Amino acid sequence: MTTQDLINAGFECSAGILLWMNVIKLYKDKVLRGVAITPTLVFTLWGYWNLYYYPHLNQTLSFLAGILVTIANTTWVVLAIHYYKKGKNNAVRQSFPTC
């Protein structure tokens, strides 16, 4: 463990906790409005890269904290896609009411 690993892990862990706040908010609201999925998808892919990259730098703490970030981002993206599709289906149903 190096000072750099400890500091980076602190940032990663803080980010992970804050990202879980977004996941909980989206789960409770069950609607996606005013937010694009693409940026979080890019950060999710970057998180998976970090999970590959950190061990090569011998940054164990950053790797462990990166797991928190990556799982939070992955969960948010999955929920966002789910609620986006569900919202589109509801919009279609509302446009074409059935008798």
Protein backbone atom coordinates (compact mmCIF):
# COMPACT_ATOMS: atom_id res chain seq x y z
CA MET A 1 0.00 0.00 0.00
CA THR A 2 1.31 3.39 -1.00
CA THR A 3 0.19 6.88 -0.10
CA GLN A 4 -1.04 7.30 -3.68
CA ASP A 5 -3.11 4.11 -3.43
CA LEU A 6 -4.59 5.23 -0.12
CA ILE A 7 -5.54 8.68 -1.46
CA ASN A 8 -6.95 7.28 -4.71
CA ALA A 9 -8.92 4.64 -2.79
CA GLY A 10 -10.37 7.41 -0.62
CA PHE A 11 -11.61 9.24 -3.71
CA GLU A 12 -12.95 6.01 -5.22
CA CYS A 13 -14.72 5.05 -2.00
CA SER A 14 -16.26 8.51 -1.63
CA ALA A 15 -17.42 8.38 -5.24
CA GLY A 16 -18.90 4.93 -4.70
CA ILE A 17 -20.92 6.09 -1.70
CA LEU A 18 -22.21 9.14 -3.59
CA LEU A 19 -23.06 7.03 -6.64
CA TRP A 20 -25.14 4.69 -4.50
CA MET A 21 -27.18 7.75 -3.52
CA ASN A 22 -28.04 8.12 -7.23
CA VAL A 23 -28.97 4.44 -7.47
CA ILE A 24 -31.30 4.68 -4.47
CA LYS A 25 -32.91 7.88 -5.81
CA LEU A 26 -33.53 6.34 -9.23
CA TYR A 27 -34.91 3.16 -7.66
CA LYS A 28 -37.35 5.15 -5.50
CA ASP A 29 -38.43 7.50 -8.31
CA LYS A 30 -38.69 4.74 -10.92
CA VAL A 31 -38.45 7.35 -13.66
CA LEU A 32 -35.56 8.72 -15.69
CA ARG A 33 -35.89 12.39 -16.60
CA GLY A 34 -33.37 15.05 -17.48
CA VAL A 35 -30.42 12.69 -17.36
CA ALA A 36 -28.53 10.99 -20.17
CA ILE A 37 -27.46 7.38 -19.70
CA THR A 38 -24.37 7.68 -21.91
CA PRO A 39 -22.04 9.54 -19.50
CA THR A 40 -22.62 7.05 -16.70
CA LEU A 41 -22.19 4.19 -19.17
CA VAL A 42 -18.76 5.60 -20.13
CA PHE A 43 -17.77 5.94 -16.46
CA THR A 44 -18.98 2.38 -15.89
CA LEU A 45 -16.73 1.09 -18.65
CA TRP A 46 -13.87 3.12 -17.20
CA GLY A 47 -14.60 1.44 -13.84
CA TYR A 48 -14.25 -2.00 -15.41
CA TRP A 49 -10.97 -0.87 -16.97
CA ASN A 50 -9.79 0.28 -13.52
CA LEU A 51 -10.58 -3.14 -12.08
CA TYR A 52 -8.19 -4.57 -14.65
CA TYR A 53 -5.64 -1.76 -14.37
CA TYR A 54 -5.27 -1.25 -10.61
CA PRO A 55 -3.81 -4.70 -9.91
CA HIS A 56 -1.10 -3.98 -12.50
CA LEU A 57 -0.19 -0.90 -10.47
CA ASN A 58 -0.29 -2.92 -7.23
CA GLN A 59 -3.03 -0.61 -5.95
CA THR A 60 -5.07 -3.05 -3.91
CA LEU A 61 -7.08 -0.46 -1.98
CA SER A 62 -7.97 1.40 -5.18
CA PHE A 63 -9.06 -1.91 -6.71
CA LEU A 64 -11.34 -2.70 -3.76
CA ALA A 65 -12.84 0.79 -3.73
CA GLY A 66 -13.18 0.60 -7.52
CA ILE A 67 -15.44 -2.40 -7.09
CA LEU A 68 -17.86 -0.18 -5.13
CA VAL A 69 -17.85 2.46 -7.89
CA THR A 70 -18.23 -0.04 -10.71
CA ILE A 71 -21.08 -1.94 -9.11
CA ALA A 72 -22.91 1.31 -8.31
CA ASN A 73 -22.52 2.61 -11.87
CA THR A 74 -23.52 -0.75 -13.37
CA THR A 75 -26.61 -0.89 -11.16
CA TRP A 76 -27.59 2.68 -12.09
CA VAL A 77 -27.19 2.00 -15.83
CA VAL A 78 -29.27 -1.18 -15.63
CA LEU A 79 -32.02 0.62 -13.70
CA ALA A 80 -31.90 3.62 -16.05
CA ILE A 81 -32.31 1.41 -19.12
CA HIS A 82 -35.12 -0.50 -17.42
CA TYR A 83 -37.05 2.62 -16.43
CA TYR A 84 -36.36 4.27 -19.79
CA LYS A 85 -37.86 1.29 -21.64
CA LYS A 86 -40.73 1.09 -19.19
CA GLY A 87 -41.43 4.81 -19.67
CA LYS A 88 -41.44 4.46 -23.45
CA ASN A 89 -43.88 1.55 -23.18
CA ASN A 90 -46.15 3.57 -20.89
CA ALA A 91 -46.04 6.53 -23.30
CA VAL A 92 -47.07 4.24 -26.15
CA ARG A 93 -49.89 2.75 -24.08
CA GLN A 94 -51.13 6.20 -23.13
CA SER A 95 -51.08 7.30 -26.78
CA PHE A 96 -53.08 4.29 -27.89
CA PRO A 97 -55.61 3.46 -25.18
CA THR A 98 -57.29 0.11 -25.40
CA CYS A 99 -61.04 -0.37 -24.96
